[in-house]
Amino acid sequence: MHKRVTNVLKNYCWLVYVEGNKILGYAYADIFKNRSAYAKTVETTVYVHHEHQRKGIGQNLYKALLDRLMEKDVHVAVGIVSVPNESSIRLHQKLGFKCAGHLREMGTKFNKLLDVELWHKILSKEETNI
């Protein structure tokens, strides 16, 4: 985890939600794809401890992260959600993300293949030439 935090902080921020002396959640953005064409696109991650979900922590962290990304001139944020995960999907929808695709058997957790959905949000008002 230390290496991941260090790498993220080279370009973006890592936000942490602490209550007392316990970390309840975090949010960060990182490089989406290491090619110059994607320089203004980031992959976002939000984690909230399972005992503290549905309290607004994830939404507050994500909003703060998106605000900071807009200040850094990021154009698109991409959230990659392991599915099924209704609470994460609802969070992305609340924050204005749109589902951009469903990919089968892209990852594993607990020795089980998982599908993922790509959720994206255009952050800047920049004109596109596409």
C-alpha atoms as a PDB file:
ATOM      1  CA  MET A   1       0.000   0.000   0.000  1.00  0.00           C
ATOM      2  CA  HIS A   2       2.866   2.408   0.805  1.00  0.00           C
ATOM      3  CA  LYS A   3       4.254   2.037  -2.719  1.00  0.00           C
ATOM      4  CA  ARG A   4       0.816   2.700  -4.251  1.00  0.00           C
ATOM      5  CA  VAL A   5       0.318   5.855  -2.150  1.00  0.00           C
ATOM      6  CA  THR A   6       3.793   7.106  -3.041  1.00  0.00           C
ATOM      7  CA  ASN A   7       3.176   6.565  -6.765  1.00  0.00           C
ATOM      8  CA  VAL A   8      -0.230   8.258  -6.694  1.00  0.00           C
ATOM      9  CA  LEU A   9       1.121  11.295  -4.859  1.00  0.00           C
ATOM     10  CA  LYS A  10       3.590  11.948  -7.680  1.00  0.00           C
ATOM     11  CA  ASN A  11       0.692  13.214  -9.827  1.00  0.00           C
ATOM     12  CA  TYR A  12      -2.545  13.292  -7.841  1.00  0.00           C
ATOM     13  CA  CYS A  13      -3.920  13.338  -4.306  1.00  0.00           C
ATOM     14  CA  TRP A  14      -4.885  10.587  -1.873  1.00  0.00           C
ATOM     15  CA  LEU A  15      -7.704  11.628   0.479  1.00  0.00           C
ATOM     16  CA  VAL A  16      -8.271   9.837   3.778  1.00  0.00           C
ATOM     17  CA  TYR A  17     -11.303   9.898   6.080  1.00  0.00           C
ATOM     18  CA  VAL A  18     -10.295   9.452   9.704  1.00  0.00           C
ATOM     19  CA  GLU A  19     -12.520   9.213  12.762  1.00  0.00           C
ATOM     20  CA  GLY A  20     -10.683   9.174  16.056  1.00  0.00           C
ATOM     21  CA  ASN A  21      -7.492   7.362  15.144  1.00  0.00           C
ATOM     22  CA  LYS A  22      -9.122   4.926  12.713  1.00  0.00           C
ATOM     23  CA  ILE A  23      -9.038   5.212   8.912  1.00  0.00           C
ATOM     24  CA  LEU A  24     -12.598   4.607   7.690  1.00  0.00           C
ATOM     25  CA  GLY A  25     -12.082   5.327   4.021  1.00  0.00           C
ATOM     26  CA  TYR A  26      -9.947   6.797   1.283  1.00  0.00           C
ATOM     27  CA  ALA A  27     -10.169   8.038  -2.283  1.00  0.00           C
ATOM     28  CA  TYR A  28      -7.537   8.636  -4.909  1.00  0.00           C
ATOM     29  CA  ALA A  29      -6.960   9.024  -8.620  1.00  0.00           C
ATOM     30  CA  ASP A  30      -4.183   7.577 -10.713  1.00  0.00           C
ATOM     31  CA  ILE A  31      -3.058   7.383 -14.300  1.00  0.00           C
ATOM     32  CA  PHE A  32      -5.693   5.679 -16.456  1.00  0.00           C
ATOM     33  CA  LYS A  33      -3.322   4.510 -19.168  1.00  0.00           C
ATOM     34  CA  ASN A  34       0.327   5.392 -19.475  1.00  0.00           C
ATOM     35  CA  ARG A  35       0.113   7.025 -22.910  1.00  0.00           C
ATOM     36  CA  SER A  36       0.138  10.729 -23.719  1.00  0.00           C
ATOM     37  CA  ALA A  37      -3.284  10.477 -25.400  1.00  0.00           C
ATOM     38  CA  TYR A  38      -4.796   9.734 -21.966  1.00  0.00           C
ATOM     39  CA  ALA A  39      -2.931  12.421 -20.023  1.00  0.00           C
ATOM     40  CA  LYS A  40      -6.187  14.134 -18.968  1.00  0.00           C
ATOM     41  CA  THR A  41      -7.959  10.907 -17.996  1.00  0.00           C
ATOM     42  CA  VAL A  42      -7.675   9.284 -14.563  1.00  0.00           C
ATOM     43  CA  GLU A  43      -8.880   6.129 -12.887  1.00  0.00           C
ATOM     44  CA  THR A  44     -10.572   6.792  -9.562  1.00  0.00           C
ATOM     45  CA  THR A  45     -10.800   4.586  -6.499  1.00  0.00           C
ATOM     46  CA  VAL A  46     -12.941   4.998  -3.397  1.00  0.00           C
ATOM     47  CA  TYR A  47     -12.898   2.625  -0.436  1.00  0.00           C
ATOM     48  CA  VAL A  48     -14.985   2.747   2.737  1.00  0.00           C
ATOM     49  CA  HIS A  49     -14.666   0.167   5.527  1.00  0.00           C
ATOM     50  CA  HIS A  50     -17.693  -2.149   5.348  1.00  0.00           C
ATOM     51  CA  GLU A  51     -18.859  -1.202   8.874  1.00  0.00           C
ATOM     52  CA  HIS A  52     -19.066   2.469   7.884  1.00  0.00           C
ATOM     53  CA  GLN A  53     -20.733   2.315   4.480  1.00  0.00           C
ATOM     54  CA  ARG A  54     -23.979   4.150   3.719  1.00  0.00           C
ATOM     55  CA  LYS A  55     -23.034   7.072   5.994  1.00  0.00           C
ATOM     56  CA  GLY A  56     -22.009   9.481   3.218  1.00  0.00           C
ATOM     57  CA  ILE A  57     -18.283   8.944   3.719  1.00  0.00           C
ATOM     58  CA  GLY A  58     -17.701   7.584   0.218  1.00  0.00           C
ATOM     59  CA  GLN A  59     -19.781  10.298  -1.405  1.00  0.00           C
ATOM     60  CA  ASN A  60     -17.953  13.062   0.503  1.00  0.00           C
ATOM     61  CA  LEU A  61     -14.554  11.588  -0.337  1.00  0.00           C
ATOM     62  CA  TYR A  62     -15.480  11.167  -4.014  1.00  0.00           C
ATOM     63  CA  LYS A  63     -16.854  14.716  -4.309  1.00  0.00           C
ATOM     64  CA  ALA A  64     -13.694  16.144  -2.750  1.00  0.00           C
ATOM     65  CA  LEU A  65     -11.552  14.052  -5.079  1.00  0.00           C
ATOM     66  CA  LEU A  66     -13.478  15.164  -8.173  1.00  0.00           C
ATOM     67  CA  ASP A  67     -13.146  18.812  -7.087  1.00  0.00           C
ATOM     68  CA  ARG A  68      -9.373  18.438  -6.828  1.00  0.00           C
ATOM     69  CA  LEU A  69      -9.198  16.679 -10.188  1.00  0.00           C
ATOM     70  CA  MET A  70     -11.063  19.549 -11.851  1.00  0.00           C
ATOM     71  CA  GLU A  71      -8.522  21.965 -10.347  1.00  0.00           C
ATOM     72  CA  LYS A  72      -5.761  19.871 -11.962  1.00  0.00           C
ATOM     73  CA  ASP A  73      -7.438  20.167 -15.390  1.00  0.00           C
ATOM     74  CA  VAL A  74      -8.421  16.487 -15.569  1.00  0.00           C
ATOM     75  CA  HIS A  75     -10.963  15.969 -18.351  1.00  0.00           C
ATOM     76  CA  VAL A  76     -12.375  12.482 -17.601  1.00  0.00           C
ATOM     77  CA  ALA A  77     -12.604  10.353 -14.455  1.00  0.00           C
ATOM     78  CA  VAL A  78     -13.119   6.597 -14.843  1.00  0.00           C
ATOM     79  CA  GLY A  79     -14.336   4.359 -12.041  1.00  0.00           C
ATOM     80  CA  ILE A  80     -13.875   0.616 -12.487  1.00  0.00           C
ATOM     81  CA  VAL A  81     -16.471  -1.251 -10.433  1.00  0.00           C
ATOM     82  CA  SER A  82     -16.382  -4.987  -9.715  1.00  0.00           C
ATOM     83  CA  VAL A  83     -19.922  -6.257 -10.212  1.00  0.00           C
ATOM     84  CA  PRO A  84     -22.283  -7.018  -8.725  1.00  0.00           C
ATOM     85  CA  ASN A  85     -21.878  -4.024  -6.422  1.00  0.00           C
ATOM     86  CA  GLU A  86     -25.101  -2.024  -6.233  1.00  0.00           C
ATOM     87  CA  SER A  87     -23.864   0.469  -3.629  1.00  0.00           C
ATOM     88  CA  SER A  88     -20.858   1.434  -5.748  1.00  0.00           C
ATOM     89  CA  ILE A  89     -23.021   1.713  -8.860  1.00  0.00           C
ATOM     90  CA  ARG A  90     -25.486   3.964  -6.991  1.00  0.00           C
ATOM     91  CA  LEU A  91     -22.597   6.135  -5.775  1.00  0.00           C
ATOM     92  CA  HIS A  92     -21.293   6.617  -9.306  1.00  0.00           C
ATOM     93  CA  GLN A  93     -24.792   7.398 -10.582  1.00  0.00           C
ATOM     94  CA  LYS A  94     -25.377   9.965  -7.786  1.00  0.00           C
ATOM     95  CA  LEU A  95     -22.179  11.743  -8.761  1.00  0.00           C
ATOM     96  CA  GLY A  96     -23.108  11.917 -12.439  1.00  0.00           C
ATOM     97  CA  PHE A  97     -21.036   9.060 -13.823  1.00  0.00           C
ATOM     98  CA  LYS A  98     -22.407   7.109 -16.794  1.00  0.00           C
ATOM     99  CA  CYS A  99     -21.860   3.421 -17.447  1.00  0.00           C
ATOM    100  CA  ALA A 100     -19.513   3.049 -20.412  1.00  0.00           C
ATOM    101  CA  GLY A 101     -19.236  -0.730 -20.610  1.00  0.00           C
ATOM    102  CA  HIS A 102     -19.309  -4.138 -18.997  1.00  0.00           C
ATOM    103  CA  LEU A 103     -16.253  -6.403 -19.226  1.00  0.00           C
ATOM    104  CA  ARG A 104     -16.462 -10.084 -18.335  1.00  0.00           C
ATOM    105  CA  GLU A 105     -14.047 -11.932 -16.061  1.00  0.00           C
ATOM    106  CA  MET A 106     -11.572  -9.048 -15.824  1.00  0.00           C
ATOM    107  CA  GLY A 107     -10.449  -9.506 -12.246  1.00  0.00           C
ATOM    108  CA  THR A 108     -10.382 -11.912  -9.339  1.00  0.00           C
ATOM    109  CA  LYS A 109     -11.259 -11.575  -5.662  1.00  0.00           C
ATOM    110  CA  PHE A 110     -11.227 -14.443  -3.219  1.00  0.00           C
ATOM    111  CA  ASN A 111     -10.375 -16.871  -6.070  1.00  0.00           C
ATOM    112  CA  LYS A 112     -13.491 -15.898  -8.021  1.00  0.00           C
ATOM    113  CA  LEU A 113     -13.519 -14.309 -11.494  1.00  0.00           C
ATOM    114  CA  LEU A 114     -15.370 -11.003 -11.511  1.00  0.00           C
ATOM    115  CA  ASP A 115     -16.894  -8.831 -14.173  1.00  0.00           C
ATOM    116  CA  VAL A 116     -16.291  -5.083 -14.068  1.00  0.00           C
ATOM    117  CA  GLU A 117     -18.176  -2.061 -15.289  1.00  0.00           C
ATOM    118  CA  LEU A 118     -16.502   1.107 -16.481  1.00  0.00           C
ATOM    119  CA  TRP A 119     -18.137   4.301 -15.213  1.00  0.00           C
ATOM    120  CA  HIS A 120     -16.987   7.640 -16.583  1.00  0.00           C
ATOM    121  CA  LYS A 121     -17.635  11.302 -15.962  1.00  0.00           C
ATOM    122  CA  ILE A 122     -16.505  14.245 -18.039  1.00  0.00           C
ATOM    123  CA  LEU A 123     -15.183  16.826 -15.583  1.00  0.00           C
ATOM    124  CA  SER A 124     -14.062  19.756 -17.708  1.00  0.00           C
ATOM    125  CA  LYS A 125     -16.041  22.074 -19.906  1.00  0.00           C
ATOM    126  CA  GLU A 126     -13.307  21.809 -22.528  1.00  0.00           C
ATOM    127  CA  GLU A 127     -14.532  21.576 -26.106  1.00  0.00           C
ATOM    128  CA  THR A 128     -13.871  18.244 -27.757  1.00  0.00           C
ATOM    129  CA  ASN A 129     -12.970  17.894 -31.413  1.00  0.00           C
ATOM    130  CA  ILE A 130     -14.318  14.398 -31.853  1.00  0.00           C
END
